[in-house]
Amino acid sequence: MMKMLNRLREETAELHRELEKDNLANKIMDQSISLNEYRALLFQNFVAYECAEAEIIKFLPEYSSDKTQRLKQDLQGIGVESFDCPMDFSCNSEAEAIGAAYVIEGSAMGGMLIGKELKKCDFSNEIPEQQFFNGKRDSIKGWNEYLKFLRSREFSESEIDLAVNKAMQTFLLFGEAFKLDYTNC
């Protein structure tokens, strides 16, 4: 487990940092985000999570995540009705699904911090209570389950390589989603 987790952390660290730099979530952290920008951020996340989670579940049937559903609920709460903006992403093995899940589940810790700051943004009292960026500790439950799953297994070098490569592709998926203009989807 440790070898898998260490390689995932080490080999995706640069992509992770790059992704965080060019993200509307930074505007939540300094409370400069507008409601329209927040709507775009939710939509961008929805598209990426929906693509990745649909692929993960194909190879990890016990995988359980409600992130896509919570994003959709938040989007509907602020008037978004169209959710169709497909992106090209696939997993072809359990190892790849494990790599994609690393990114999806690992995002919960940052999301928890973002959720706490969102409550300080000017428009926060104009929107329903948020389900995705909610700032609650139980948001990291999936991450803990993911770590438990990793601990229960041994992984070959080739499985680790596949997982790392797919984790990197998953970060790139988010990078592409963060470039989307939700009004054009």
N, C-alpha and C. Protein backbone atom coordinates (compact mmCIF):
# COMPACT_ATOMS: atom_id res chain seq x y z
N MET A 1 0.83 -1.19 0.00
CA MET A 1 0.00 0.00 0.00
C MET A 1 0.87 1.24 0.00
N MET A 2 1.89 1.26 0.85
CA MET A 2 2.70 2.47 0.96
C MET A 2 3.42 2.78 -0.34
N LYS A 3 3.88 1.74 -1.02
CA LYS A 3 4.59 2.00 -2.27
C LYS A 3 3.65 2.62 -3.30
N MET A 4 2.44 2.07 -3.39
CA MET A 4 1.44 2.61 -4.31
C MET A 4 1.13 4.07 -3.95
N LEU A 5 0.83 4.33 -2.70
CA LEU A 5 0.45 5.67 -2.27
C LEU A 5 1.60 6.66 -2.44
N ASN A 6 2.81 6.25 -2.08
CA ASN A 6 3.97 7.13 -2.23
C ASN A 6 4.22 7.49 -3.69
N ARG A 7 4.14 6.51 -4.57
CA ARG A 7 4.35 6.80 -5.99
C ARG A 7 3.26 7.72 -6.53
N LEU A 8 2.02 7.46 -6.13
CA LEU A 8 0.93 8.33 -6.57
C LEU A 8 1.17 9.77 -6.11
N ARG A 9 1.54 9.94 -4.86
CA ARG A 9 1.80 11.29 -4.33
C ARG A 9 2.97 11.96 -5.03
N GLU A 10 4.08 11.24 -5.10
CA GLU A 10 5.30 11.83 -5.64
C GLU A 10 5.18 12.16 -7.13
N GLU A 11 4.63 11.24 -7.89
CA GLU A 11 4.64 11.42 -9.34
C GLU A 11 3.52 12.32 -9.86
N THR A 12 2.56 12.63 -9.01
CA THR A 12 1.50 13.55 -9.44
C THR A 12 1.62 14.91 -8.77
N ALA A 13 2.59 15.09 -7.91
CA ALA A 13 2.70 16.32 -7.11
C ALA A 13 2.78 17.57 -7.98
N GLU A 14 3.60 17.54 -9.03
CA GLU A 14 3.75 18.72 -9.88
C GLU A 14 2.46 19.05 -10.62
N LEU A 15 1.81 18.04 -11.18
CA LEU A 15 0.53 18.26 -11.85
C LEU A 15 -0.50 18.82 -10.88
N HIS A 16 -0.51 18.29 -9.68
CA HIS A 16 -1.44 18.75 -8.64
C HIS A 16 -1.21 20.23 -8.35
N ARG A 17 0.04 20.62 -8.17
CA ARG A 17 0.36 22.03 -7.90
C ARG A 17 -0.06 22.93 -9.06
N GLU A 18 0.22 22.50 -10.27
CA GLU A 18 -0.16 23.28 -11.46
C GLU A 18 -1.67 23.46 -11.53
N LEU A 19 -2.38 22.40 -11.27
CA LEU A 19 -3.84 22.45 -11.33
C LEU A 19 -4.41 23.42 -10.30
N GLU A 20 -3.85 23.41 -9.12
CA GLU A 20 -4.33 24.31 -8.06
C GLU A 20 -4.07 25.78 -8.39
N LYS A 21 -3.01 26.06 -9.16
CA LYS A 21 -2.68 27.44 -9.49
C LYS A 21 -3.73 28.08 -10.40
N ASP A 22 -4.20 27.34 -11.37
CA ASP A 22 -5.12 27.87 -12.38
C ASP A 22 -6.54 27.38 -12.14
N ASN A 23 -7.10 27.74 -11.02
CA ASN A 23 -8.38 27.19 -10.62
C ASN A 23 -9.20 28.28 -9.95
N LEU A 24 -10.47 28.35 -10.30
CA LEU A 24 -11.36 29.35 -9.68
C LEU A 24 -11.49 29.17 -8.16
N ALA A 25 -11.16 27.99 -7.66
CA ALA A 25 -11.26 27.76 -6.22
C ALA A 25 -10.36 28.72 -5.44
N ASN A 26 -9.27 29.16 -6.05
CA ASN A 26 -8.41 30.14 -5.38
C ASN A 26 -9.17 31.41 -5.03
N LYS A 27 -10.14 31.75 -5.87
CA LYS A 27 -10.94 32.95 -5.62
C LYS A 27 -11.88 32.75 -4.43
N ILE A 28 -12.19 31.51 -4.11
CA ILE A 28 -12.96 31.25 -2.90
C ILE A 28 -12.06 31.48 -1.69
N MET A 29 -10.82 31.02 -1.81
CA MET A 29 -9.90 31.14 -0.68
C MET A 29 -9.64 32.59 -0.30
N ASP A 30 -9.69 33.51 -1.28
CA ASP A 30 -9.50 34.93 -0.92
C ASP A 30 -10.82 35.72 -0.98
N GLN A 31 -11.92 35.00 -1.09
CA GLN A 31 -13.28 35.55 -1.10
C GLN A 31 -13.52 36.57 -2.22
N SER A 32 -12.84 36.42 -3.36
CA SER A 32 -13.04 37.34 -4.47
C SER A 32 -13.91 36.73 -5.58
N ILE A 33 -14.43 35.53 -5.38
CA ILE A 33 -15.20 34.85 -6.42
C ILE A 33 -16.61 35.44 -6.52
N SER A 34 -17.09 35.56 -7.74
CA SER A 34 -18.47 36.00 -7.96
C SER A 34 -19.37 34.77 -8.03
N LEU A 35 -20.67 34.99 -7.96
CA LEU A 35 -21.61 33.87 -8.07
C LEU A 35 -21.49 33.20 -9.43
N ASN A 36 -21.31 33.98 -10.49
CA ASN A 36 -21.14 33.39 -11.83
C ASN A 36 -19.87 32.54 -11.91
N GLU A 37 -18.80 33.02 -11.33
CA GLU A 37 -17.55 32.23 -11.32
C GLU A 37 -17.73 30.96 -10.49
N TYR A 38 -18.47 31.07 -9.39
CA TYR A 38 -18.72 29.89 -8.56
C TYR A 38 -19.55 28.87 -9.34
N ARG A 39 -20.55 29.34 -10.06
CA ARG A 39 -21.37 28.47 -10.90
C ARG A 39 -20.47 27.74 -11.90
N ALA A 40 -19.55 28.47 -12.52
CA ALA A 40 -18.62 27.86 -13.48
C ALA A 40 -17.74 26.81 -12.80
N LEU A 41 -17.23 27.13 -11.62
CA LEU A 41 -16.39 26.18 -10.88
C LEU A 41 -17.15 24.90 -10.56
N LEU A 42 -18.38 25.03 -10.10
CA LEU A 42 -19.18 23.84 -9.81
C LEU A 42 -19.40 23.01 -11.07
N PHE A 43 -19.72 23.69 -12.17
CA PHE A 43 -19.96 22.98 -13.42
C PHE A 43 -18.70 22.26 -13.90
N GLN A 44 -17.58 22.94 -13.86
CA GLN A 44 -16.31 22.35 -14.29
C GLN A 44 -15.99 21.11 -13.46
N ASN A 45 -16.19 21.21 -12.16
CA ASN A 45 -15.96 20.05 -11.29
C ASN A 45 -16.95 18.94 -11.62
N PHE A 46 -18.21 19.29 -11.82
CA PHE A 46 -19.23 18.29 -12.15
C PHE A 46 -18.81 17.47 -13.36
N VAL A 47 -18.40 18.15 -14.43
CA VAL A 47 -18.02 17.47 -15.66
C VAL A 47 -16.87 16.49 -15.41
N ALA A 48 -15.85 16.94 -14.72
CA ALA A 48 -14.68 16.07 -14.46
C ALA A 48 -15.04 14.90 -13.55
N TYR A 49 -15.75 15.19 -12.46
CA TYR A 49 -16.12 14.11 -11.54
C TYR A 49 -17.03 13.10 -12.22
N GLU A 50 -17.99 13.59 -13.00
CA GLU A 50 -18.91 12.67 -13.67
C GLU A 50 -18.16 11.72 -14.60
N CYS A 51 -17.24 12.25 -15.39
CA CYS A 51 -16.45 11.40 -16.29
C CYS A 51 -15.63 10.37 -15.52
N ALA A 52 -14.91 10.83 -14.52
CA ALA A 52 -14.01 9.94 -13.78
C ALA A 52 -14.79 8.90 -12.97
N GLU A 53 -15.82 9.33 -12.26
CA GLU A 53 -16.55 8.38 -11.41
C GLU A 53 -17.24 7.30 -12.24
N ALA A 54 -17.76 7.67 -13.41
CA ALA A 54 -18.40 6.67 -14.27
C ALA A 54 -17.41 5.59 -14.71
N GLU A 55 -16.16 5.97 -14.90
CA GLU A 55 -15.14 5.00 -15.31
C GLU A 55 -14.63 4.17 -14.14
N ILE A 56 -14.47 4.81 -12.99
CA ILE A 56 -13.96 4.10 -11.80
C ILE A 56 -14.89 2.95 -11.43
N ILE A 57 -16.18 3.22 -11.43
CA ILE A 57 -17.16 2.21 -10.99
C ILE A 57 -17.16 0.97 -11.88
N LYS A 58 -16.71 1.10 -13.11
CA LYS A 58 -16.65 -0.05 -14.03
C LYS A 58 -15.67 -1.11 -13.54
N PHE A 59 -14.62 -0.68 -12.85
CA PHE A 59 -13.57 -1.61 -12.42
C PHE A 59 -13.49 -1.78 -10.91
N LEU A 60 -14.13 -0.89 -10.18
CA LEU A 60 -14.17 -1.00 -8.73
C LEU A 60 -15.64 -0.96 -8.30
N PRO A 61 -16.35 -2.08 -8.46
CA PRO A 61 -17.80 -2.07 -8.23
C PRO A 61 -18.20 -1.68 -6.79
N GLU A 62 -17.28 -1.86 -5.84
CA GLU A 62 -17.61 -1.48 -4.46
C GLU A 62 -17.32 0.00 -4.19
N TYR A 63 -16.80 0.68 -5.20
CA TYR A 63 -16.51 2.11 -5.08
C TYR A 63 -17.83 2.86 -4.91
N SER A 64 -17.84 3.74 -3.96
CA SER A 64 -19.05 4.51 -3.70
C SER A 64 -18.68 5.97 -3.53
N SER A 65 -19.25 6.80 -4.36
CA SER A 65 -19.01 8.23 -4.24
C SER A 65 -20.27 8.97 -4.64
N ASP A 66 -20.56 10.02 -3.91
CA ASP A 66 -21.73 10.83 -4.24
C ASP A 66 -21.32 12.24 -4.66
N LYS A 67 -20.07 12.40 -5.03
CA LYS A 67 -19.57 13.74 -5.38
C LYS A 67 -20.31 14.31 -6.59
N THR A 68 -20.49 13.52 -7.63
CA THR A 68 -21.20 13.99 -8.83
C THR A 68 -22.62 14.41 -8.45
N GLN A 69 -23.29 13.59 -7.67
CA GLN A 69 -24.67 13.89 -7.29
C GLN A 69 -24.74 15.16 -6.44
N ARG A 70 -23.79 15.34 -5.53
CA ARG A 70 -23.80 16.55 -4.69
C ARG A 70 -23.52 17.80 -5.54
N LEU A 71 -22.62 17.69 -6.52
CA LEU A 71 -22.36 18.81 -7.42
C LEU A 71 -23.60 19.15 -8.23
N LYS A 72 -24.28 18.14 -8.73
CA LYS A 72 -25.50 18.37 -9.51
C LYS A 72 -26.57 19.06 -8.66
N GLN A 73 -26.71 18.62 -7.43
CA GLN A 73 -27.68 19.23 -6.51
C GLN A 73 -27.35 20.71 -6.28
N ASP A 74 -26.07 21.01 -6.07
CA ASP A 74 -25.66 22.40 -5.86
C ASP A 74 -25.90 23.24 -7.12
N LEU A 75 -25.61 22.68 -8.28
CA LEU A 75 -25.84 23.39 -9.53
C LEU A 75 -27.32 23.68 -9.74
N GLN A 76 -28.16 22.69 -9.48
CA GLN A 76 -29.60 22.90 -9.62
C GLN A 76 -30.08 23.98 -8.65
N GLY A 77 -29.47 24.02 -7.46
CA GLY A 77 -29.85 25.01 -6.46
C GLY A 77 -29.51 26.44 -6.85
N ILE A 78 -28.60 26.59 -7.84
CA ILE A 78 -28.27 27.95 -8.30
C ILE A 78 -28.68 28.15 -9.77
N GLY A 79 -29.64 27.32 -10.21
CA GLY A 79 -30.29 27.56 -11.49
C GLY A 79 -29.70 26.91 -12.71
N VAL A 80 -28.75 26.00 -12.57
CA VAL A 80 -28.20 25.32 -13.75
C VAL A 80 -29.06 24.09 -14.04
N GLU A 81 -29.51 23.99 -15.27
CA GLU A 81 -30.40 22.89 -15.65
C GLU A 81 -29.76 21.93 -16.65
N SER A 82 -28.76 22.38 -17.40
CA SER A 82 -28.12 21.55 -18.41
C SER A 82 -26.80 21.01 -17.88
N PHE A 83 -26.62 19.72 -18.02
CA PHE A 83 -25.42 19.07 -17.47
C PHE A 83 -24.63 18.30 -18.51
N ASP A 84 -24.92 18.55 -19.76
CA ASP A 84 -24.29 17.77 -20.82
C ASP A 84 -23.06 18.49 -21.38
N CYS A 85 -21.90 18.01 -21.05
CA CYS A 85 -20.66 18.53 -21.60
C CYS A 85 -19.63 17.42 -21.48
N PRO A 86 -19.80 16.37 -22.28
CA PRO A 86 -18.95 15.18 -22.12
C PRO A 86 -17.48 15.46 -22.46
N MET A 87 -16.64 14.76 -21.76
CA MET A 87 -15.20 14.83 -22.00
C MET A 87 -14.72 13.41 -22.25
N ASP A 88 -13.59 13.30 -22.91
CA ASP A 88 -13.04 11.99 -23.26
C ASP A 88 -12.14 11.50 -22.13
N PHE A 89 -12.57 10.44 -21.45
CA PHE A 89 -11.79 9.87 -20.36
C PHE A 89 -12.24 8.43 -20.19
N SER A 90 -11.29 7.53 -20.00
CA SER A 90 -11.67 6.14 -19.75
C SER A 90 -10.64 5.44 -18.88
N CYS A 91 -11.12 4.44 -18.19
CA CYS A 91 -10.25 3.52 -17.45
C CYS A 91 -10.37 2.17 -18.14
N ASN A 92 -9.25 1.46 -18.23
CA ASN A 92 -9.24 0.17 -18.91
C ASN A 92 -8.86 -1.00 -18.01
N SER A 93 -8.69 -0.72 -16.71
CA SER A 93 -8.33 -1.79 -15.78
C SER A 93 -8.60 -1.33 -14.36
N GLU A 94 -8.56 -2.28 -13.46
CA GLU A 94 -8.72 -1.96 -12.04
C GLU A 94 -7.61 -1.01 -11.58
N ALA A 95 -6.39 -1.26 -12.01
CA ALA A 95 -5.27 -0.41 -11.61
C ALA A 95 -5.48 1.04 -12.05
N GLU A 96 -5.98 1.22 -13.28
CA GLU A 96 -6.26 2.58 -13.74
C GLU A 96 -7.37 3.22 -12.91
N ALA A 97 -8.38 2.46 -12.58
CA ALA A 97 -9.47 2.99 -11.74
C ALA A 97 -8.95 3.40 -10.37
N ILE A 98 -8.00 2.65 -9.84
CA ILE A 98 -7.39 3.00 -8.55
C ILE A 98 -6.65 4.33 -8.67
N GLY A 99 -5.97 4.54 -9.78
CA GLY A 99 -5.27 5.81 -9.99
C GLY A 99 -6.23 6.98 -10.11
N ALA A 100 -7.32 6.79 -10.85
CA ALA A 100 -8.32 7.85 -10.99
C ALA A 100 -8.97 8.14 -9.63
N ALA A 101 -9.26 7.10 -8.87
CA ALA A 101 -9.89 7.27 -7.55
C ALA A 101 -8.97 8.03 -6.59
N TYR A 102 -7.67 7.88 -6.75
CA TYR A 102 -6.72 8.64 -5.93
C TYR A 102 -6.99 10.14 -6.07
N VAL A 103 -7.19 10.59 -7.29
CA VAL A 103 -7.42 12.02 -7.53
C VAL A 103 -8.81 12.42 -7.02
N ILE A 104 -9.81 11.62 -7.34
CA ILE A 104 -11.19 11.93 -6.94
C ILE A 104 -11.32 11.98 -5.42
N GLU A 105 -10.83 10.98 -4.74
CA GLU A 105 -10.99 10.92 -3.29
C GLU A 105 -10.03 11.88 -2.58
N GLY A 106 -8.84 12.05 -3.14
CA GLY A 106 -7.88 12.97 -2.52
C GLY A 106 -8.34 14.41 -2.57
N SER A 107 -9.19 14.74 -3.52
CA SER A 107 -9.68 16.11 -3.64
C SER A 107 -10.55 16.54 -2.46
N ALA A 108 -11.04 15.59 -1.71
CA ALA A 108 -11.97 15.91 -0.62
C ALA A 108 -11.34 16.78 0.46
N MET A 109 -10.04 16.60 0.70
CA MET A 109 -9.41 17.41 1.75
C MET A 109 -9.36 18.89 1.35
N GLY A 110 -8.99 19.16 0.11
CA GLY A 110 -9.00 20.53 -0.37
C GLY A 110 -10.41 21.08 -0.42
N GLY A 111 -11.34 20.24 -0.83
CA GLY A 111 -12.74 20.65 -0.90
C GLY A 111 -13.31 21.02 0.46
N MET A 112 -12.85 20.33 1.50
CA MET A 112 -13.32 20.65 2.85
C MET A 112 -12.85 22.06 3.24
N LEU A 113 -11.59 22.38 2.94
CA LEU A 113 -11.07 23.72 3.25
C LEU A 113 -11.78 24.79 2.42
N ILE A 114 -12.01 24.50 1.15
CA ILE A 114 -12.70 25.44 0.28
C ILE A 114 -14.11 25.70 0.82
N GLY A 115 -14.76 24.64 1.27
CA GLY A 115 -16.12 24.77 1.82
C GLY A 115 -16.19 25.70 3.02
N LYS A 116 -15.18 25.67 3.85
CA LYS A 116 -15.14 26.56 5.02
C LYS A 116 -15.00 28.02 4.58
N GLU A 117 -14.18 28.26 3.57
CA GLU A 117 -13.97 29.62 3.07
C GLU A 117 -15.17 30.13 2.27
N LEU A 118 -15.89 29.22 1.60
CA LEU A 118 -17.05 29.61 0.79
C LEU A 118 -18.08 30.37 1.64
N LYS A 119 -18.21 29.96 2.89
CA LYS A 119 -19.19 30.59 3.78
C LYS A 119 -18.87 32.07 4.03
N LYS A 120 -17.64 32.49 3.72
CA LYS A 120 -17.23 33.89 3.92
C LYS A 120 -17.41 34.73 2.65
N CYS A 121 -17.76 34.09 1.53
CA CYS A 121 -17.92 34.81 0.27
C CYS A 121 -19.22 35.62 0.27
N ASP A 122 -19.20 36.75 -0.44
CA ASP A 122 -20.31 37.69 -0.45
C ASP A 122 -21.66 37.06 -0.77
N PHE A 123 -21.70 36.16 -1.71
CA PHE A 123 -22.98 35.59 -2.18
C PHE A 123 -23.43 34.37 -1.38
N SER A 124 -22.66 33.95 -0.40
CA SER A 124 -22.96 32.68 0.29
C SER A 124 -24.35 32.65 0.93
N ASN A 125 -24.86 33.80 1.34
CA ASN A 125 -26.19 33.80 1.96
C ASN A 125 -27.30 33.82 0.91
N GLU A 126 -26.94 33.91 -0.39
CA GLU A 126 -27.93 33.92 -1.48
C GLU A 126 -28.14 32.54 -2.09
N ILE A 127 -27.36 31.56 -1.67
CA ILE A 127 -27.44 30.23 -2.26
C ILE A 127 -27.83 29.21 -1.20
N PRO A 128 -28.44 28.10 -1.63
CA PRO A 128 -28.78 27.05 -0.66
C PRO A 128 -27.52 26.49 0.01
N GLU A 129 -27.72 25.82 1.13
CA GLU A 129 -26.57 25.17 1.78
C GLU A 129 -25.92 24.23 0.78
N GLN A 130 -24.61 24.34 0.65
CA GLN A 130 -23.87 23.58 -0.36
C GLN A 130 -23.60 22.16 0.11
N GLN A 131 -23.74 21.24 -0.83
CA GLN A 131 -23.53 19.82 -0.54
C GLN A 131 -22.11 19.38 -0.89
N PHE A 132 -21.52 19.98 -1.93
CA PHE A 132 -20.19 19.57 -2.34
C PHE A 132 -19.12 20.29 -1.54
N PHE A 133 -19.06 21.60 -1.66
CA PHE A 133 -18.13 22.40 -0.86
C PHE A 133 -18.83 22.76 0.44
N ASN A 134 -19.02 21.76 1.30
CA ASN A 134 -19.80 22.00 2.51
C ASN A 134 -18.94 22.26 3.75
N GLY A 135 -17.65 22.03 3.66
CA GLY A 135 -16.76 22.29 4.79
C GLY A 135 -16.87 21.29 5.93
N LYS A 136 -17.60 20.21 5.72
CA LYS A 136 -17.81 19.22 6.78
C LYS A 136 -16.76 18.12 6.74
N ARG A 137 -16.39 17.67 7.90
CA ARG A 137 -15.36 16.64 8.04
C ARG A 137 -15.75 15.32 7.37
N ASP A 138 -17.04 15.01 7.35
CA ASP A 138 -17.44 13.73 6.75
C ASP A 138 -17.20 13.69 5.23
N SER A 139 -16.78 14.82 4.66
CA SER A 139 -16.44 14.87 3.24
C SER A 139 -15.23 13.99 2.92
N ILE A 140 -14.40 13.71 3.92
CA ILE A 140 -13.19 12.91 3.66
C ILE A 140 -13.39 11.42 3.95
N LYS A 141 -14.63 11.04 4.20
CA LYS A 141 -14.93 9.63 4.46
C LYS A 141 -14.47 8.74 3.30
N GLY A 142 -14.69 9.19 2.07
CA GLY A 142 -14.28 8.41 0.89
C GLY A 142 -12.77 8.24 0.81
N TRP A 143 -12.02 9.27 1.21
CA TRP A 143 -10.56 9.19 1.22
C TRP A 143 -10.11 8.11 2.21
N ASN A 144 -10.73 8.10 3.37
CA ASN A 144 -10.38 7.09 4.37
C ASN A 144 -10.71 5.68 3.88
N GLU A 145 -11.83 5.53 3.19
CA GLU A 145 -12.19 4.23 2.60
C GLU A 145 -11.19 3.82 1.52
N TYR A 146 -10.75 4.79 0.74
CA TYR A 146 -9.77 4.53 -0.31
C TYR A 146 -8.46 4.03 0.30
N LEU A 147 -8.00 4.69 1.35
CA LEU A 147 -6.76 4.26 2.02
C LEU A 147 -6.92 2.85 2.60
N LYS A 148 -8.06 2.57 3.16
CA LYS A 148 -8.34 1.24 3.72
C LYS A 148 -8.27 0.19 2.61
N PHE A 149 -8.84 0.52 1.44
CA PHE A 149 -8.79 -0.38 0.29
C PHE A 149 -7.34 -0.62 -0.13
N LEU A 150 -6.54 0.44 -0.22
CA LEU A 150 -5.13 0.28 -0.61
C LEU A 150 -4.38 -0.62 0.38
N ARG A 151 -4.66 -0.44 1.66
CA ARG A 151 -3.99 -1.25 2.69
C ARG A 151 -4.34 -2.73 2.59
N SER A 152 -5.48 -3.03 2.01
CA SER A 152 -5.95 -4.42 1.95
C SER A 152 -5.31 -5.21 0.81
N ARG A 153 -4.47 -4.57 0.01
CA ARG A 153 -3.95 -5.18 -1.20
C ARG A 153 -2.46 -5.04 -1.35
N GLU A 154 -1.90 -5.92 -2.15
CA GLU A 154 -0.53 -5.80 -2.63
C GLU A 154 -0.64 -5.47 -4.11
N PHE A 155 0.27 -4.64 -4.61
CA PHE A 155 0.22 -4.23 -6.00
C PHE A 155 1.55 -4.52 -6.68
N SER A 156 1.46 -5.01 -7.91
CA SER A 156 2.66 -5.26 -8.70
C SER A 156 3.20 -3.93 -9.22
N GLU A 157 4.43 -3.94 -9.71
CA GLU A 157 5.02 -2.73 -10.29
C GLU A 157 4.19 -2.24 -11.47
N SER A 158 3.73 -3.16 -12.30
CA SER A 158 2.96 -2.74 -13.48
C SER A 158 1.61 -2.14 -13.05
N GLU A 159 0.99 -2.66 -12.01
CA GLU A 159 -0.26 -2.07 -11.51
C GLU A 159 0.00 -0.66 -10.97
N ILE A 160 1.10 -0.51 -10.27
CA ILE A 160 1.44 0.82 -9.73
C ILE A 160 1.70 1.79 -10.89
N ASP A 161 2.42 1.34 -11.90
CA ASP A 161 2.67 2.20 -13.07
C ASP A 161 1.37 2.62 -13.74
N LEU A 162 0.45 1.67 -13.93
CA LEU A 162 -0.84 1.98 -14.54
C LEU A 162 -1.63 2.99 -13.69
N ALA A 163 -1.63 2.77 -12.38
CA ALA A 163 -2.36 3.66 -11.48
C ALA A 163 -1.78 5.07 -11.51
N VAL A 164 -0.47 5.18 -11.48
CA VAL A 164 0.18 6.49 -11.51
C VAL A 164 -0.12 7.21 -12.83
N ASN A 165 -0.01 6.49 -13.93
CA ASN A 165 -0.30 7.11 -15.23
C ASN A 165 -1.74 7.60 -15.31
N LYS A 166 -2.67 6.81 -14.80
CA LYS A 166 -4.08 7.21 -14.86
C LYS A 166 -4.36 8.36 -13.89
N ALA A 167 -3.68 8.37 -12.75
CA ALA A 167 -3.84 9.51 -11.83
C ALA A 167 -3.39 10.79 -12.53
N MET A 168 -2.28 10.72 -13.25
CA MET A 168 -1.80 11.89 -13.98
C MET A 168 -2.81 12.31 -15.05
N GLN A 169 -3.37 11.34 -15.75
CA GLN A 169 -4.40 11.65 -16.76
C GLN A 169 -5.65 12.26 -16.12
N THR A 170 -5.95 11.83 -14.90
CA THR A 170 -7.12 12.37 -14.20
C THR A 170 -6.89 13.82 -13.81
N PHE A 171 -5.68 14.15 -13.36
CA PHE A 171 -5.37 15.55 -13.10
C PHE A 171 -5.50 16.37 -14.39
N LEU A 172 -5.04 15.81 -15.50
CA LEU A 172 -5.16 16.51 -16.79
C LEU A 172 -6.63 16.68 -17.20
N LEU A 173 -7.46 15.69 -16.89
CA LEU A 173 -8.89 15.79 -17.14
C LEU A 173 -9.46 17.01 -16.40
N PHE A 174 -9.09 17.15 -15.13
CA PHE A 174 -9.55 18.31 -14.36
C PHE A 174 -9.02 19.61 -14.96
N GLY A 175 -7.78 19.59 -15.41
CA GLY A 175 -7.21 20.77 -16.06
C GLY A 175 -8.01 21.19 -17.28
N GLU A 176 -8.42 20.20 -18.08
CA GLU A 176 -9.25 20.50 -19.26
C GLU A 176 -10.63 20.98 -18.83
N ALA A 177 -11.20 20.37 -17.83
CA ALA A 177 -12.53 20.79 -17.34
C ALA A 177 -12.49 22.22 -16.82
N PHE A 178 -11.39 22.61 -16.18
CA PHE A 178 -11.28 23.95 -15.62
C PHE A 178 -11.15 25.02 -16.70
N LYS A 179 -10.97 24.60 -17.95
CA LYS A 179 -10.93 25.56 -19.06
C LYS A 179 -12.31 25.74 -19.69
N LEU A 180 -13.28 24.89 -19.32
CA LEU A 180 -14.61 24.94 -19.92
C LEU A 180 -15.35 26.20 -19.52
N ASP A 181 -16.06 26.75 -20.46
CA ASP A 181 -17.00 27.83 -20.19
C ASP A 181 -18.37 27.17 -20.10
N TYR A 182 -18.92 27.08 -18.92
CA TYR A 182 -20.14 26.29 -18.74
C TYR A 182 -21.30 26.82 -19.58
N THR A 183 -21.26 28.06 -20.00
CA THR A 183 -22.35 28.61 -20.80
C THR A 183 -22.34 28.05 -22.23
N ASN A 184 -21.23 27.43 -22.63
CA ASN A 184 -21.14 26.87 -23.98
C ASN A 184 -21.39 25.37 -24.02
N CYS A 185 -21.72 24.77 -22.94
CA CYS A 185 -21.95 23.32 -22.91
C CYS A 185 -23.42 23.01 -23.02
